[in-house]
Amino acid sequence: MWTEEAGATAEAQESGIRNKSSSSSQIPVVGVVTEDDEAQDVFKPMDLNRVIKLLEETDKDGLEEKQLKFVKKLVQCYQNGLPLRDLAQIFKILNLCSGKIKNQPRFIESAYDIIKLCGLPFLKKKVSDEITYAEDTANSIALLGDLMKIPSSELRIQICKCIVDFYHAEPPKKHIPGYQQASSSYKIQMAEVGGLAKTMVQSMTLLENQLVEKLWVLKVLQHLSTSEVNCTIMMKAQAASGICTHLNDPDPSGQLLFRSSEILWNLLEKSSKEEVIQQLSNLECLLALKEVFKNLFMRGFSHYDRQLRNDILVITTIIAQNPEAPMIECGFTKDLILFATFNEVKSQNLLVKGLKLSNSYEDFELKKLLFNVIVILCKDLPTVQLLIDGKVILALFTYVKKPEKQKIIDWSAAQHEELQLHAIATLSSVAPLLIEEYMSCQGNARVLAFLEWCESEDPFFSHGNSFHGTGGRGNKFAQMRYSLRLLRAVVYLEDETVNKDLCEKGTIQQMIGIFKNIISKPNEKEEAIVLEIQSDILLILSGLCENHIQRKEIFGTEGVDIVLHVMKTDPRKLQSGLGYNVLLFSTLDSIWCCILGCYPSEDYFLEKEGIFLLLDLLALNQKKFCNLILGIMVEFCDNPKTAAHVNAWQGKKDQTAASLLIKLWRKEEKELGVKRDKNGKIIDTKKPLFTSFQEEQKIIPLPANCPSIAVMDVSENIRAKIYAILGKLDFENLPGLSAEDFVTLCIIHRYLDFKIQATHKQRELANKSWEDFLARTSNAKTLKKAKSLQEKAIEASRYHKRPQNAIFHQTHIKGLNTTVPSGGVVTVESTPARLVGGPLVDTDIALKKLPIRGGALQRVKAVKIVDAPKKSIPTSWLEKMNVDIHEVARKQR
């Protein structure tokens, strides 16, 4: 290492001034000095502390020239890189130079030269230097952001160039013996630690009208935003809103929009998406996005412009997911709807006059993005009227038809197919909200006609390239799948006008026909898609037939046959994950909605051993199906032919239906934690059906429209259904039961008695309360005792440590003769008004023009005032009335 004497000597040789040292301690110097002569040539020795001290001096003649000269020498010494150990002092020198710029403009060049050095490699002598000098390095790099406040265009641009160089590291121009270049990502990491991104975001406010500098800052932020750490810092500094509001600023180069959109993308991907959306969900940002998108849509013709337009639309779609975003208020929603439909529905709006989309990849992507944004926008109900005005339903239905061979299509066959599927998927979201528009466009007829084409043998080679086309290559499954989704969404609105129209158009028969056609041509390759189609068909049929006997009759035996076909599916497939579970649920739902209640269908179902199939499914012991199957069994047991089928069923190991039901009861009670001994007998006779959940459950106040916990217990667990089924079988002559089964059967038989038991207890409590009331009203001692207990309870509930300045209110009312605590509403039965003249009898108003009748003022023709002495009511009358009041109260109780 160089000593202070060596450094001073070298400096004296340069400046002509010789200084003597007062100590021999080591100080930081420029360079690495080894025995190798080459190292001495690379780093010339310079006392950095002396340079700092010189820059801190003021008010000396010729000082500025001397300071500038020393800084220039420092810059020359570091042309090959900056050692990490000297970095803190070099940046202190930079800070001192920048502080002099305001009064001494010549220091701009010095600061510029030092900043330029920061783009050179950082050098380490030891492997541990990166950790040892990490804090100094982070603070030094953070200073670059602070220097953006200096009003110098050259300086700001050089700072930006320096930071950009962090991401394009180059090896040292010359090898330096004893030193190694710091890792390529070291500068980037230290920039993150030092919070450089925050100061660079804040510097944007200083560059409102300085385009060149603004573009350089955006370039820096674009590089910084590739890091999640920096994106989080930028997000907290409100970078999203700050950048978005300036998207529409004039920029002939187009860099501003490109770099800004890239930064917004990175912020959405690498920081809190919700927070960024919140920042962008304001009128100013959305207006800027709207104008940019309109300009690119109407005037952007290059490949680059179209890509940028699509990026802006994706960002807009993400913002539109926030219901608080003022999309309608800024007019963006209306414009987007117009752009989405102008190709299909002719418009006279000047924005789209003369515009036409090409079949280029970018315009094709734009069309899909516009369909997608409609789905997002329709979730906000105020958008519905704009969708009606924009004729969105009509525009989407232009795709719901079979391909026309002779018609010239703007899109390629593959593109048209993908747009067709996307349009039908969009209709599934929009049509339920615009059902009147759907019906006015003959929506049911269009969808059914399209489904008829899907089922036909017309030659059609689908490409199946898109997300919506999955599983549809070389067939029409994708078109059928999305058409059925649309139909299901419409049916489940439960709009009788829509469903009636569907039934009149033969939808039930058509659905059954499609189902039978599918099962006649098994397709294992696209099994998951086929299962989804079958499930949707059954759900549509359930929605149409529920609560309509005539429609159930149309469903008829053909419908029962397809239900039985699904029920015969190999149980092992239920675990395949392909969708058999969903199909089985749909099938059970169709039994409930399409068969039950229609006696011919029920009888046919029984003849085809449908009950046997239900019990086979029940024997699989899959909890997710048990409740629904047992509910169907309860309904079927109303049919007198069912009992024979239930008793005739035999499962594995000759298990009977009664044995299966009792086994399910025991399993349910075990899961619920009901207390039973090893033989299945009742342990707690006071609470024979009580579950562990009910014991732990606290009293929770529920609104009036919510079912109570007791009701939910009956509906959710299967015990009530098992009781109902066995009750229909009369609990007698049940074959195949063990001794334990008979014990459980006795408990099941008394299930209803154990459930009324709580009602008896409530009735007893009510009777006891009435007896206590009568005792208080007829016995003075009992009344005094009750009052004493009441006063003790009130006193015990009081807060004894009274706060300072508190006002004490007496709760005891003198002369109160009530025998029960008063509630929020008090009904007073007093002496009839006809006997005492009403509440205003003793007031001046009663003696004027209007008499009192029954406590109310009524108008009469004339009133004669007679000064007669007031007559008191006989005491016997009052006693008689008091007795009558008690008699009335007793009868009401």
Foldseek 3Di string as FASTA:
>chain_A
DDWPQNQQVVVCVVVVDHDDDPDGDHADWWFDDDPDPVRCVQAPTHHLVVLLVLLVDDDDPPSVVVNVVVLVVVLVRLLFAAELVCLLSLLSSLVSLLVCCVVPVVSLVSNLSSLLRLLHFYKYLDPCSLVVSLVSLLQSLLVLLVSLVRPDLSSLLSSLVSLVSLQVYDHTPDDNPSIDTDDSCSNLVSPLVSLNLLSLLVSCVVCPPPVVSNLSSLVSLLVNLVALSSLQSCLVSLSLLVLLLCCPPDDPVPSSNVSSLSSLVSSCVRYPVVSSLVSCQDLSSVLSLQVLLLCLQQPNDDPVSLVSSLSSLVSVLSSLLDLSRVCVVNPNLLVLLCVQQCVQDPDPDPSCVPNDAAQDPSSLSVNLSSLVSLLSNVVNVVCLVSCVVSLLVNRLLVLLDDDDDPDDDRYDPQSSVVSSLSSLLSLLRNCVSVVVSCVVNVVLVSLLNSLVVLQDPPQDAHCLPDPLSPPPGGGSLSVLLSSLSSLLSNLVVLPCVVLVVNVVVVVLVSLLVSLVSDVVDDDPVSNLSNLSSLLSSLSSLLSSQAPPQVSLVVCPPSVLVSLVVLLPPDPVCVPVPSNSVSSPVSSLSSCVRRQQPHVRSLVSCVVVLVVLSLVVVVVVVDVVCNLSSLVSLLSSLVPVVVLVSQLPHADPPRDGNLNSLLVLVVVLQVVQAQDADPLRAADDPLQRSDGPCNVPDDDDDDDPVDDDPVVVVCNPGCLVSSLSNCVSVVLPPRPDDDPSSVNSSVCSPCVVVSVCSVVVVVVVVVVVVVVLVVCLVPPVVSLVVQVVVVVVVVVVPDDPPDDPPDDDDDPDDPPDDDSDDDDPDDDDDDDFCVVVQAPCPPPPVCQPQFGGDRNDTDHDDGDDHDPDDDDDDDPVVRVVVVVVVVVVVVVVD
